[in-house]
Protein backbone atom coordinates (compact mmCIF):
# COMPACT_ATOMS: atom_id res chain seq x y z
CA UNK A 1 -2.56 -37.41 6.08
CA UNK A 2 -0.28 -38.86 3.40
CA UNK A 3 -0.61 -37.10 0.07
CA UNK A 4 -1.92 -39.33 -2.69
CA UNK A 5 0.62 -39.97 -5.44
CA UNK A 6 0.08 -39.19 -9.10
CA UNK A 7 -1.25 -41.90 -11.37
CA UNK A 8 0.70 -42.64 -14.54
CA UNK A 9 -1.54 -40.45 -16.73
CA UNK A 10 -1.01 -37.48 -14.42
CA UNK A 11 2.72 -38.16 -14.51
CA UNK A 12 2.61 -38.06 -18.33
CA UNK A 13 0.69 -34.79 -18.38
CA UNK A 14 2.92 -33.21 -15.73
CA UNK A 15 5.95 -34.34 -17.74
CA UNK A 16 4.56 -32.71 -20.89
CA UNK A 17 3.98 -29.46 -19.01
CA UNK A 18 7.54 -29.50 -17.68
CA UNK A 19 8.76 -29.97 -21.25
CA UNK A 20 6.95 -26.80 -22.30
CA UNK A 21 3.42 -27.87 -23.18
CA UNK A 22 1.20 -24.93 -22.20
CA UNK A 23 -1.55 -25.77 -19.70
CA UNK A 24 -3.97 -23.55 -21.61
CA UNK A 25 -3.81 -26.04 -24.50
CA UNK A 26 -4.83 -29.04 -22.38
CA UNK A 27 -8.12 -30.56 -23.50
CA UNK A 28 -9.62 -33.98 -22.84
CA UNK A 29 -12.65 -35.81 -24.20
CA UNK A 30 -15.04 -38.67 -23.51
CA UNK A 31 -16.05 -40.26 -26.86
CA UNK A 32 -18.99 -42.69 -26.48
CA UNK A 33 -20.67 -44.41 -29.40
CA UNK A 34 -24.44 -43.73 -29.26
CA UNK A 35 -25.37 -47.36 -29.90
CA UNK A 36 -26.56 -48.19 -26.38
CA UNK A 37 -26.67 -46.89 -22.83
CA UNK A 38 -23.56 -46.18 -20.76
CA UNK A 39 -22.61 -48.96 -18.36
CA UNK A 40 -20.32 -49.46 -15.37
CA UNK A 41 -17.40 -50.16 -17.72
CA UNK A 42 -17.70 -46.62 -19.11
CA UNK A 43 -17.61 -45.16 -15.59
CA UNK A 44 -13.84 -45.40 -15.34
CA UNK A 45 -13.27 -43.65 -18.69
CA UNK A 46 -15.75 -40.93 -17.74
CA UNK A 47 -14.09 -40.31 -14.39
CA UNK A 48 -10.56 -40.48 -15.79
CA UNK A 49 -11.23 -37.75 -18.35
CA UNK A 50 -13.46 -35.46 -16.31
CA UNK A 51 -11.31 -35.81 -13.17
CA UNK A 52 -8.27 -34.77 -15.20
CA UNK A 53 -10.28 -31.84 -16.51
CA UNK A 54 -11.03 -30.79 -12.94
CA UNK A 55 -7.44 -31.34 -11.76
CA UNK A 56 -5.88 -29.25 -14.54
CA UNK A 57 -8.77 -26.78 -14.97
CA UNK A 58 -8.97 -27.98 -18.57
CA UNK A 59 -12.04 -28.34 -20.80
CA UNK A 60 -13.49 -31.78 -21.57
CA UNK A 61 -15.44 -32.48 -24.74
CA UNK A 62 -18.31 -34.91 -24.97
CA UNK A 63 -18.02 -36.37 -28.46
CA UNK A 64 -20.42 -38.88 -29.93
CA UNK A 65 -18.70 -41.17 -32.42
CA UNK A 66 -21.83 -41.56 -34.52
CA UNK A 67 -20.49 -43.33 -37.60
CA UNK A 68 -22.80 -46.37 -37.72
CA UNK A 69 -26.39 -45.24 -38.28
CA UNK A 70 -27.67 -48.83 -38.36
CA UNK A 71 -27.13 -49.17 -34.60
CA UNK A 72 -27.32 -45.59 -33.33
CA UNK A 73 -30.26 -43.50 -32.15
CA UNK A 74 -31.09 -40.14 -30.59
CA UNK A 75 -32.47 -42.06 -27.58
CA UNK A 76 -28.94 -43.22 -26.77
CA UNK A 77 -27.50 -39.71 -27.18
CA UNK A 78 -29.97 -38.29 -24.69
CA UNK A 79 -29.46 -41.16 -22.23
CA UNK A 80 -25.68 -40.69 -22.33
CA UNK A 81 -25.97 -36.95 -21.67
CA UNK A 82 -28.39 -37.55 -18.80
CA UNK A 83 -26.06 -40.10 -17.18
CA UNK A 84 -22.99 -37.86 -17.35
CA UNK A 85 -24.89 -34.91 -15.91
CA UNK A 86 -26.30 -37.11 -13.15
CA UNK A 87 -22.78 -38.21 -12.23
CA UNK A 88 -22.02 -34.53 -11.66
CA UNK A 89 -19.77 -33.81 -14.63
CA UNK A 90 -20.00 -30.92 -17.10
CA UNK A 91 -18.55 -30.95 -20.58
CA UNK A 92 -17.21 -27.96 -22.46
CA UNK A 93 -18.33 -28.77 -26.01
CA UNK A 94 -20.92 -31.24 -27.25
CA UNK A 95 -19.42 -32.68 -30.41
CA UNK A 96 -20.36 -35.31 -32.96
CA UNK A 97 -18.21 -37.19 -35.44
CA UNK A 98 -20.99 -36.44 -37.93
CA UNK A 99 -20.04 -32.75 -37.59
CA UNK A 100 -16.81 -33.69 -39.37
CA UNK A 101 -18.18 -35.89 -42.16
CA UNK A 102 -17.35 -33.35 -44.86
CA UNK A 103 -13.83 -32.78 -43.55
CA UNK A 104 -13.23 -36.51 -43.25
CA UNK A 105 -14.49 -37.03 -46.80
CA UNK A 106 -12.20 -34.29 -48.08
CA UNK A 107 -9.23 -35.84 -46.25
CA UNK A 108 -10.06 -39.22 -47.76
CA UNK A 109 -9.64 -37.57 -51.17
CA UNK A 110 -6.21 -36.34 -50.01
CA UNK A 111 -5.20 -39.94 -49.27
CA UNK A 112 -6.40 -41.05 -52.69
CA UNK A 113 -4.51 -38.22 -54.40
CA UNK A 114 -1.33 -39.21 -52.52
CA UNK A 115 -1.85 -42.82 -53.62
CA UNK A 116 -2.31 -43.75 -49.95
CA UNK A 117 -5.86 -45.06 -50.40
CA UNK A 118 -7.69 -47.05 -53.05
CA UNK A 119 -11.18 -48.32 -53.79
CA UNK A 120 -11.42 -52.09 -53.38
CA UNK A 121 -14.20 -53.89 -55.25
CA UNK A 122 -13.85 -57.21 -53.47
CA UNK A 123 -16.41 -58.61 -51.06
CA UNK A 124 -15.83 -58.34 -47.33
CA UNK A 125 -15.26 -62.11 -47.24
CA UNK A 126 -12.53 -61.87 -49.88
CA UNK A 127 -10.85 -58.98 -48.09
CA UNK A 128 -10.88 -60.89 -44.79
CA UNK A 129 -9.36 -63.96 -46.45
CA UNK A 130 -6.37 -61.89 -47.57
CA UNK A 131 -5.59 -60.39 -44.15
CA UNK A 132 -3.19 -63.14 -43.14
CA UNK A 133 -2.47 -64.02 -39.51
CA UNK A 134 -0.33 -62.46 -36.77
CA UNK A 135 2.53 -64.71 -37.91
CA UNK A 136 1.85 -64.73 -41.66
CA UNK A 137 1.70 -61.66 -43.94
CA UNK A 138 -1.44 -60.76 -45.80
CA UNK A 139 -1.91 -60.62 -49.55
CA UNK A 140 -2.34 -57.49 -51.59
CA UNK A 141 -5.75 -56.85 -53.05
CA UNK A 142 -5.88 -57.09 -56.87
CA UNK A 143 -7.32 -53.55 -56.72
CA UNK A 144 -4.35 -52.18 -54.74
CA UNK A 145 -2.71 -50.89 -57.93
CA UNK A 146 -5.91 -49.35 -59.23
CA UNK A 147 -5.12 -45.96 -60.83
CA UNK A 148 -5.62 -42.97 -58.54
CA UNK A 149 -8.10 -41.30 -60.88
CA UNK A 150 -10.21 -44.46 -61.12
CA UNK A 151 -10.32 -44.75 -57.29
CA UNK A 152 -11.28 -41.09 -57.04
CA UNK A 153 -14.18 -41.47 -59.50
CA UNK A 154 -15.43 -44.66 -57.83
CA UNK A 155 -15.23 -43.02 -54.43
CA UNK A 156 -17.30 -40.07 -55.67
CA UNK A 157 -19.87 -42.48 -57.09
CA UNK A 158 -20.01 -44.20 -53.70
CA UNK A 159 -20.60 -40.78 -52.14
CA UNK A 160 -23.42 -39.98 -54.56
CA UNK A 161 -25.19 -43.25 -53.73
CA UNK A 162 -24.68 -44.90 -57.12
CA UNK A 163 -23.05 -47.96 -55.56
CA UNK A 164 -24.82 -50.70 -53.64
CA UNK A 165 -23.82 -51.34 -50.02
CA UNK A 166 -20.89 -53.76 -50.00
CA UNK A 167 -20.07 -53.25 -53.68
CA UNK A 168 -16.97 -51.14 -52.98
CA UNK A 169 -14.98 -49.91 -49.98
CA UNK A 170 -12.19 -47.38 -49.58
CA UNK A 171 -9.03 -48.82 -48.01
CA UNK A 172 -5.89 -47.13 -46.77
CA UNK A 173 -2.76 -48.34 -48.57
CA UNK A 174 -0.32 -49.16 -45.80
CA UNK A 175 1.45 -52.53 -45.43
CA UNK A 176 -0.09 -55.99 -45.84
CA UNK A 177 2.92 -57.54 -44.11
CA UNK A 178 2.81 -55.34 -41.01
CA UNK A 179 2.97 -57.28 -37.70
CA UNK A 180 0.14 -55.00 -36.57
CA UNK A 181 -2.93 -56.49 -38.23
CA UNK A 182 -4.69 -53.10 -38.09
CA UNK A 183 -2.10 -51.69 -40.49
CA UNK A 184 -2.93 -54.18 -43.23
CA UNK A 185 -4.82 -51.84 -45.54
CA UNK A 186 -7.76 -51.09 -43.22
CA UNK A 187 -11.17 -50.19 -44.63
CA UNK A 188 -11.91 -46.52 -43.94
CA UNK A 189 -15.20 -46.00 -45.83
CA UNK A 190 -18.16 -48.19 -46.77
CA UNK A 191 -21.43 -47.54 -48.60
CA UNK A 192 -24.58 -47.53 -46.47
CA UNK A 193 -28.15 -46.54 -47.21
CA UNK A 194 -29.23 -46.14 -43.57
CA UNK A 195 -30.89 -43.02 -42.17
CA UNK A 196 -28.64 -41.12 -39.74
CA UNK A 197 -30.22 -39.66 -36.60
CA UNK A 198 -28.52 -36.29 -37.20
CA UNK A 199 -27.62 -36.00 -40.90
CA UNK A 200 -30.69 -37.78 -42.23
CA UNK A 201 -30.19 -39.22 -45.72
CA UNK A 202 -27.48 -36.79 -46.79
CA UNK A 203 -24.64 -39.30 -46.66
CA UNK A 204 -24.49 -42.55 -48.60
CA UNK A 205 -21.04 -43.48 -47.30
CA UNK A 206 -19.87 -43.58 -43.70
CA UNK A 207 -16.34 -43.54 -42.26
CA UNK A 208 -15.08 -46.40 -40.12
CA UNK A 209 -14.33 -45.78 -36.46
CA UNK A 210 -10.53 -45.93 -36.80
CA UNK A 211 -10.50 -43.32 -39.56
CA UNK A 212 -12.87 -41.05 -37.64
CA UNK A 213 -11.49 -41.27 -34.13
CA UNK A 214 -7.98 -39.88 -34.39
CA UNK A 215 -8.98 -37.22 -36.90
CA UNK A 216 -11.82 -36.07 -34.63
CA UNK A 217 -9.35 -35.71 -31.77
CA UNK A 218 -7.16 -33.61 -34.03
CA UNK A 219 -10.03 -31.42 -35.26
CA UNK A 220 -11.09 -30.72 -31.66
CA UNK A 221 -7.46 -30.17 -30.65
CA UNK A 222 -7.63 -32.72 -27.87
CA UNK A 223 -4.26 -32.71 -26.15
CA UNK A 224 -4.36 -36.17 -24.57
CA UNK A 225 -6.49 -38.85 -26.19
CA UNK A 226 -7.01 -41.34 -23.37
CA UNK A 227 -8.29 -44.80 -24.31
CA UNK A 228 -8.58 -48.23 -22.74
CA UNK A 229 -5.90 -50.81 -23.43
CA UNK A 230 -7.67 -52.59 -26.29
CA UNK A 231 -7.01 -49.44 -28.38
CA UNK A 232 -3.23 -49.57 -27.89
CA UNK A 233 -2.63 -51.30 -31.27
CA UNK A 234 -4.76 -48.58 -32.90
CA UNK A 235 -2.32 -45.87 -31.87
CA UNK A 236 0.08 -46.71 -34.72
CA UNK A 237 -2.79 -46.44 -37.21
CA UNK A 238 -4.00 -43.09 -35.85
CA UNK A 239 -0.47 -41.70 -36.12
CA UNK A 240 -0.16 -43.04 -39.69
CA UNK A 241 -3.36 -41.26 -40.73
CA UNK A 242 -2.17 -37.93 -39.31
CA UNK A 243 1.27 -38.39 -40.88
CA UNK A 244 -0.42 -39.07 -44.22
CA UNK A 245 -2.36 -35.80 -44.01
CA UNK A 246 0.70 -33.66 -43.34
CA UNK A 247 1.20 -30.78 -43.43
CA UNK A 248 -1.23 -30.10 -40.57
CA UNK A 249 -1.17 -26.84 -38.66
CA UNK A 250 -2.65 -27.87 -35.31
CA UNK A 251 -1.28 -29.79 -32.32
CA UNK A 252 -1.21 -33.56 -32.60
CA UNK A 253 -3.14 -35.49 -29.92
CA UNK A 254 -1.10 -37.78 -27.69
CA UNK A 255 -2.86 -41.12 -27.24
CA UNK A 256 -2.24 -43.08 -24.04
CA UNK A 257 -4.00 -46.19 -22.77
CA UNK A 258 -5.18 -47.40 -19.37
CA UNK A 259 -6.82 -50.64 -18.24
CA UNK A 260 -10.55 -50.96 -18.70
CA UNK A 261 -12.92 -51.67 -15.82
CA UNK A 262 -13.85 -55.36 -15.63
CA UNK A 263 -16.27 -56.37 -12.89
CA UNK A 264 -17.11 -59.84 -11.60
CA UNK A 265 -20.66 -61.17 -12.12
CA UNK A 266 -21.08 -58.44 -14.74
CA UNK A 267 -21.02 -58.06 -18.52
CA UNK A 268 -19.92 -54.78 -20.04
CA UNK A 269 -20.44 -55.56 -23.70
CA UNK A 270 -23.06 -53.29 -25.26
CA UNK A 271 -23.75 -56.00 -27.83
CA UNK A 272 -24.59 -58.54 -25.12
CA UNK A 273 -26.53 -55.96 -23.10
CA UNK A 274 -28.54 -55.13 -26.22
CA UNK A 275 -29.28 -58.86 -26.64
CA UNK A 276 -30.62 -59.05 -23.08
CA UNK A 277 -32.82 -56.03 -23.72
CA UNK A 278 -34.14 -57.17 -27.10
CA UNK A 279 -34.79 -60.73 -25.90
CA UNK A 280 -36.90 -59.56 -22.96
CA UNK A 281 -34.56 -61.10 -20.38
CA UNK A 282 -34.60 -57.68 -18.70
CA UNK A 283 -37.07 -54.79 -18.72
CA UNK A 284 -35.19 -52.26 -20.85
CA UNK A 285 -31.80 -50.56 -20.68
CA UNK A 286 -32.63 -49.05 -17.29
CA UNK A 287 -33.54 -52.36 -15.66
CA UNK A 288 -32.00 -52.19 -12.16
CA UNK A 289 -30.37 -55.58 -12.67
CA UNK A 290 -28.26 -54.25 -15.54
CA UNK A 291 -24.88 -52.57 -14.99
CA UNK A 292 -25.99 -49.53 -17.03
CA UNK A 293 -25.62 -46.18 -15.31
CA UNK A 294 -29.36 -45.59 -15.69
CA UNK A 295 -30.08 -49.05 -14.28
CA UNK A 296 -27.84 -48.40 -11.29
CA UNK A 297 -29.55 -45.03 -10.78
CA UNK A 298 -32.98 -46.68 -10.81
CA UNK A 299 -31.72 -49.25 -8.34
CA UNK A 300 -30.63 -46.53 -5.93
CA UNK A 301 -26.91 -46.15 -6.56
CA UNK A 302 -25.68 -42.60 -6.03
CA UNK A 303 -23.28 -40.47 -8.06
CA UNK A 304 -21.05 -40.15 -5.00
CA UNK A 305 -20.80 -43.92 -4.56
CA UNK A 306 -20.03 -44.54 -8.24
CA UNK A 307 -17.37 -41.85 -8.37
CA UNK A 308 -15.84 -43.15 -5.15
CA UNK A 309 -15.78 -46.64 -6.65
CA UNK A 310 -14.01 -45.40 -9.79
CA UNK A 311 -11.48 -43.47 -7.70
CA UNK A 312 -10.86 -46.50 -5.48
CA UNK A 313 -10.25 -48.76 -8.49
CA UNK A 314 -7.73 -46.20 -9.71
CA UNK A 315 -5.85 -45.87 -12.99
CA UNK A 316 -3.38 -48.52 -14.12
CA UNK A 317 -2.07 -50.31 -17.21
CA UNK A 318 -2.68 -53.80 -15.83
CA UNK A 319 -5.90 -55.61 -16.75
CA UNK A 320 -7.73 -57.31 -13.90
CA UNK A 321 -11.23 -58.16 -12.72
CA UNK A 322 -12.57 -56.07 -9.84
CA UNK A 323 -14.77 -57.92 -7.36
CA UNK A 324 -18.29 -56.51 -7.50
CA UNK A 325 -18.30 -56.45 -3.69
CA UNK A 326 -16.12 -53.31 -3.86
CA UNK A 327 -18.87 -51.51 -5.78
CA UNK A 328 -21.41 -52.75 -3.24
CA UNK A 329 -19.21 -51.57 -0.36
CA UNK A 330 -19.11 -48.06 -1.83
CA UNK A 331 -22.90 -47.74 -2.06
CA UNK A 332 -23.39 -49.17 1.43
CA UNK A 333 -20.88 -46.71 2.88
CA UNK A 334 -22.60 -43.76 1.19
CA UNK A 335 -26.16 -44.74 2.08
CA UNK A 336 -25.21 -45.62 5.65
CA UNK A 337 -24.26 -41.97 6.09
CA UNK A 338 -27.09 -40.37 4.12
CA UNK A 339 -30.17 -42.60 4.14
CA UNK A 340 -32.91 -42.04 6.77
CA UNK A 341 -34.04 -45.16 8.60
CA UNK A 342 -37.50 -46.59 8.09
CA UNK A 343 -39.51 -49.66 9.04
CA UNK A 344 -40.86 -52.17 6.56
CA UNK A 345 -41.95 -55.79 6.62
CA UNK A 346 -41.46 -57.61 3.32
CA UNK A 347 -43.01 -60.96 4.23
CA UNK A 348 -45.56 -60.12 6.93
CA UNK A 349 -46.56 -62.38 9.82
CA UNK A 350 -49.22 -61.14 12.25
CA UNK A 351 -48.31 -60.90 15.93
CA UNK A 352 -50.91 -60.27 18.65
CA UNK A 353 -49.69 -59.13 22.06
CA UNK A 354 -52.40 -60.52 24.30
CA UNK A 355 -51.57 -58.50 27.44
CA UNK A 356 -51.35 -55.14 25.63
CA UNK A 357 -54.62 -53.21 25.95
CA UNK A 358 -56.95 -53.23 22.97
CA UNK A 359 -57.58 -49.90 21.17
CA UNK A 360 -54.44 -48.43 22.69
CA UNK A 361 -51.38 -47.05 20.90
CA UNK A 362 -48.15 -45.97 22.53
CA UNK A 363 -45.71 -43.47 21.11
CA UNK A 364 -42.10 -44.58 20.89
CA UNK A 365 -39.01 -42.77 19.59
CA UNK A 366 -37.21 -43.90 16.50
CA UNK A 367 -33.81 -42.67 15.24
CA UNK A 368 -33.87 -40.98 11.84
CA UNK A 369 -30.21 -41.75 11.20
CA UNK A 370 -27.77 -42.79 13.97
CA UNK A 371 -24.92 -41.44 11.81
CA UNK A 372 -26.49 -37.97 11.96
CA UNK A 373 -27.59 -37.35 15.51
CA UNK A 374 -28.53 -33.78 14.59
CA UNK A 375 -31.54 -35.11 12.70
CA UNK A 376 -33.05 -36.20 16.00
CA UNK A 377 -35.82 -38.74 16.39
CA UNK A 378 -39.41 -39.16 15.30
CA UNK A 379 -42.48 -40.86 16.74
CA UNK A 380 -43.66 -44.37 15.88
CA UNK A 381 -46.64 -46.25 17.31
CA UNK A 382 -46.74 -49.48 19.27
CA UNK A 383 -50.02 -51.39 19.48
CA UNK A 384 -51.61 -54.73 20.25
CA UNK A 385 -51.43 -56.13 16.72
CA UNK A 386 -48.15 -55.97 14.82
CA UNK A 387 -46.37 -57.38 11.80
CA UNK A 388 -42.95 -59.02 11.91
CA UNK A 389 -40.96 -60.74 9.16
CA UNK A 390 -42.08 -64.32 8.62
CA UNK A 391 -38.43 -65.39 8.62
CA UNK A 392 -38.06 -63.97 12.13
CA UNK A 393 -40.31 -66.69 13.58
CA UNK A 394 -39.72 -70.40 13.81
CA UNK A 395 -42.15 -72.68 15.59
CA UNK A 396 -39.56 -75.07 16.96
CA UNK A 397 -36.40 -73.82 18.64
CA UNK A 398 -32.96 -74.95 17.52
CA UNK A 399 -29.45 -73.86 18.41
CA UNK A 400 -28.86 -72.13 15.06
CA UNK A 401 -31.97 -69.94 15.16
CA UNK A 402 -31.69 -66.78 17.25
CA UNK A 403 -34.99 -65.06 16.71
CA UNK A 404 -38.56 -65.62 17.88
CA UNK A 405 -39.62 -69.18 18.73
CA UNK A 406 -42.41 -70.57 20.86
CA UNK A 407 -41.59 -70.12 24.54
CA UNK A 408 -38.60 -67.86 23.81
CA UNK A 409 -38.12 -64.09 24.03
CA UNK A 410 -36.84 -61.46 21.61
CA UNK A 411 -36.75 -57.69 21.73
CA UNK A 412 -38.76 -55.63 19.28
CA UNK A 413 -36.48 -52.87 17.97
CA UNK A 414 -36.85 -49.63 19.99
CA UNK A 415 -39.73 -51.23 21.92
CA UNK A 416 -40.40 -54.15 24.29
CA UNK A 417 -39.37 -57.73 24.91
CA UNK A 418 -42.00 -60.24 23.78
CA UNK A 419 -42.44 -64.01 24.25
CA UNK A 420 -44.21 -66.29 21.77
CA UNK A 421 -46.84 -68.38 23.54
CA UNK A 422 -49.31 -69.63 20.96
CA UNK A 423 -49.33 -70.33 17.23
CA UNK A 424 -52.44 -70.04 15.05
CA UNK A 425 -52.43 -71.88 11.73
CA UNK A 426 -54.68 -71.91 8.69
CA UNK A 427 -56.31 -74.93 7.07
CA UNK A 428 -53.10 -75.64 5.15
CA UNK A 429 -51.21 -75.88 8.46
CA UNK A 430 -49.33 -72.65 7.72
CA UNK A 431 -48.60 -70.23 10.55
CA UNK A 432 -50.75 -67.13 10.11
CA UNK A 433 -50.54 -65.58 13.58
CA UNK A 434 -48.31 -65.72 16.65
CA UNK A 435 -49.81 -64.80 20.02
CA UNK A 436 -47.28 -63.25 22.37
CA UNK A 437 -47.03 -61.56 25.72
CA UNK A 438 -44.84 -58.53 26.41
CA UNK A 439 -42.88 -57.31 29.41
CA UNK A 440 -44.24 -53.79 30.09
CA UNK A 441 -41.13 -52.89 32.11
CA UNK A 442 -38.73 -53.73 29.25
CA UNK A 443 -39.27 -50.62 27.12
CA UNK A 444 -36.06 -49.61 25.33
CA UNK A 445 -34.38 -46.59 26.85
CA UNK A 446 -36.73 -46.40 29.84
CA UNK A 447 -33.90 -46.76 32.32
CA UNK A 448 -35.36 -49.74 34.16
CA UNK A 449 -33.41 -52.88 34.91
CA UNK A 450 -35.72 -54.80 32.58
CA UNK A 451 -35.07 -52.33 29.73
CA UNK A 452 -31.43 -53.43 29.62
CA UNK A 453 -32.18 -57.11 30.04
CA UNK A 454 -30.38 -59.17 27.40
CA UNK A 455 -32.32 -61.52 25.14
CA UNK A 456 -31.09 -63.61 22.24
CA UNK A 457 -32.12 -61.27 19.42
CA UNK A 458 -33.69 -58.00 18.33
CA UNK A 459 -36.15 -57.98 15.42
CA UNK A 460 -38.02 -55.20 13.60
CA UNK A 461 -41.77 -54.72 13.53
CA UNK A 462 -44.60 -52.55 12.24
CA UNK A 463 -47.93 -51.61 13.81
CA UNK A 464 -50.73 -53.35 11.93
CA UNK A 465 -53.11 -50.38 11.97
CA UNK A 466 -50.54 -47.96 10.56
CA UNK A 467 -49.07 -50.31 7.97
CA UNK A 468 -49.28 -49.14 4.35
CA UNK A 469 -49.16 -51.59 1.46
CA UNK A 470 -46.30 -51.27 -1.03
CA UNK A 471 -44.68 -53.24 -3.80
CA UNK A 472 -41.03 -54.03 -3.20
CA UNK A 473 -38.71 -55.21 -5.96
CA UNK A 474 -35.90 -57.28 -4.49
CA UNK A 475 -33.01 -57.46 -6.94
CA UNK A 476 -30.13 -59.86 -6.87
CA UNK A 477 -27.17 -60.26 -9.19
CA UNK A 478 -28.26 -60.86 -12.77
CA UNK A 479 -25.74 -63.67 -13.25
CA UNK A 480 -24.93 -66.61 -11.01
CA UNK A 481 -21.31 -66.97 -12.14
CA UNK A 482 -18.43 -64.51 -11.81
CA UNK A 483 -17.55 -64.56 -15.53
CA UNK A 484 -20.84 -64.72 -17.48
CA UNK A 485 -20.57 -66.29 -20.92
CA UNK A 486 -17.13 -67.83 -20.35
CA UNK A 487 -18.26 -71.46 -20.41
CA UNK A 488 -21.94 -71.19 -21.38
CA UNK A 489 -24.13 -68.66 -23.15
CA UNK A 490 -25.02 -65.62 -21.11
CA UNK A 491 -28.67 -66.68 -21.06
CA UNK A 492 -27.68 -69.97 -19.43
CA UNK A 493 -25.71 -68.05 -16.81
CA UNK A 494 -28.65 -65.82 -15.88
CA UNK A 495 -29.71 -65.96 -12.25
CA UNK A 496 -33.35 -67.04 -12.36
CA UNK A 497 -33.91 -65.48 -8.93
CA UNK A 498 -32.55 -62.05 -9.84
CA UNK A 499 -35.95 -60.35 -9.26
CA UNK A 500 -38.64 -61.04 -6.70
CA UNK A 501 -41.61 -58.67 -6.33
CA UNK A 502 -43.19 -58.70 -2.88
CA UNK A 503 -46.43 -57.35 -1.40
CA UNK A 504 -45.01 -55.63 1.65
CA UNK A 505 -45.98 -53.21 4.38
CA UNK A 506 -44.17 -49.96 5.15
CA UNK A 507 -44.74 -47.25 7.70
CA UNK A 508 -47.08 -44.40 6.67
CA UNK A 509 -44.56 -41.57 6.35
CA UNK A 510 -43.06 -43.29 3.31
CA UNK A 511 -46.22 -42.53 1.33
CA UNK A 512 -45.09 -38.92 1.09
CA UNK A 513 -41.44 -39.68 0.36
CA UNK A 514 -39.99 -38.00 -2.70
CA UNK A 515 -39.58 -40.32 -5.69
CA UNK A 516 -35.92 -41.23 -5.99
CA UNK A 517 -35.23 -40.88 -2.26
CA UNK A 518 -33.39 -43.66 -0.46
CA UNK A 519 -34.01 -45.27 2.93
CA UNK A 520 -32.51 -47.94 5.08
CA UNK A 521 -35.24 -50.41 5.96
CA UNK A 522 -34.30 -51.74 9.39
CA UNK A 523 -32.35 -55.00 9.17
CA UNK A 524 -33.29 -55.44 5.49
CA UNK A 525 -31.05 -53.15 3.47
CA UNK A 526 -31.27 -49.97 1.42
CA UNK A 527 -34.24 -49.17 -0.81
CA UNK A 528 -35.18 -46.36 -3.18
CA UNK A 529 -38.65 -45.07 -3.92
CA UNK A 530 -39.50 -45.76 -7.54
CA UNK A 531 -40.24 -42.87 -9.91
CA UNK A 532 -42.89 -42.70 -12.64
CA UNK A 533 -45.40 -45.04 -11.04
CA UNK A 534 -48.88 -44.58 -9.59
CA UNK A 535 -48.21 -47.24 -6.99
CA UNK A 536 -46.03 -47.08 -3.90
CA UNK A 537 -43.01 -49.04 -5.11
CA UNK A 538 -39.54 -49.46 -3.64
CA UNK A 539 -36.51 -51.02 -5.33
CA UNK A 540 -33.91 -52.77 -3.23
CA UNK A 541 -30.51 -51.21 -3.76
CA UNK A 542 -28.32 -53.44 -1.63
CA UNK A 543 -28.44 -55.49 1.55
CA UNK A 544 -26.82 -54.37 4.78
CA UNK A 545 -24.06 -56.91 4.24
CA UNK A 546 -22.86 -59.25 1.52
CA UNK A 547 -24.90 -62.43 1.87
CA UNK A 548 -24.07 -63.73 -1.64
CA UNK A 549 -20.91 -65.64 -0.74
CA UNK A 550 -22.55 -67.20 2.29
CA UNK A 551 -25.59 -68.33 0.29
CA UNK A 552 -23.77 -69.39 -2.87
CA UNK A 553 -20.56 -70.81 -1.52
């Protein structure tokens, strides 16, 4: 087997080690903002950092960049921790940017004392108007030459809560003509009166993300600060901040960037996801139609499948959109190997086999999982009255329909060949029962000539007496276009058929299935038993094959 080559991040780290960087000083981190749930876009960053930790036997910090109390909550912190643990990763230290608020405040004073920061008393609108454009330099604030002592006193008054939100900000004094717009005197502190989920009402000012991020990496002595490509222009700013604080005694983090994970038919903006949740378009952050890790878990995706997906996508510096079918392939491949088989009928149609004795049941064998022969088989029961899928019957035959029609034969999976002979309809002229006959010599696996007789199709079934009622949530893609929000609003791009709840029948052994366990329903797809419900509910994870392109062009 050909050895897999190193990705470019591994090449960088190996190069640093060859140049003398001691492996014992390697440390990575995953730094989520606790302002929402983790989604599929975060999966790549999680796997990149924790996989490197495993490869180099290096610790990985979980650090919450909790600098905006207006949008953050303890609920999000706990959800993020749960998701990472569920994926199978372990962090070394649980850190919070709020742990460093005092140090960051003290360092801000250092910038002021070095005349590298000043308090600006303009409005946010005025500051934005002076930023310039990528091709035109910005304009200096009239407060840029404010005396150091005056800025220091104003900053302390901001800290003590004497200033109204928006009345003043602290800005770094860098270069208003820099080609990098982020270097044009960025705001690093603002006044806020919001309650923080960890520090309460202690702080009246909060640092901006850019000021917090690089310094937090330095405080934690992260060796390689790995970010997605949109943070590449921020690297110059992070380095400027650390240069401004010299002399520093620790090791400087090395920031490197990789492409983010973009997925077709999917949005990975927490702002837009939050809009869907707050508007009621979905049923919370863990709605199985959302690309959140908790939503995917509730839908039946497995840690193994998600990690395999991330590894298959790989690490690169080139932005692209990954087809969602790759993610679906990974979960199908995993569940095909691991999920026991079961029988269910989602849209039941009654079938009566007129020549099968009344009040008789016959035991038949059913494979638990053909991929794991060691699991053996179990017993199922064949009887006179059955259920089949309504879509598996059509009254009139045509050349494009290969299942049960009047006068034609099909095989019932693991059972007998049947022929439809009579159709019973209700007062609305809807088919409510199909009367069939069966060939008693055609039993699957019986060794008779009839048992190997070929018919046009095989369909699944369920004995009517043993059938147990269940609710089944059938999920489809949340959006009907590959790039939601590109031409219309995301609400206009919503797939109105993304959820259908069915009154179905399943076989009785599923009543005792463990919540959270997955099954392959014959011919229908993979389903997971819902947790935290008094009813018997199954969520559809994925179909057996990709029918989306066929159905939607």
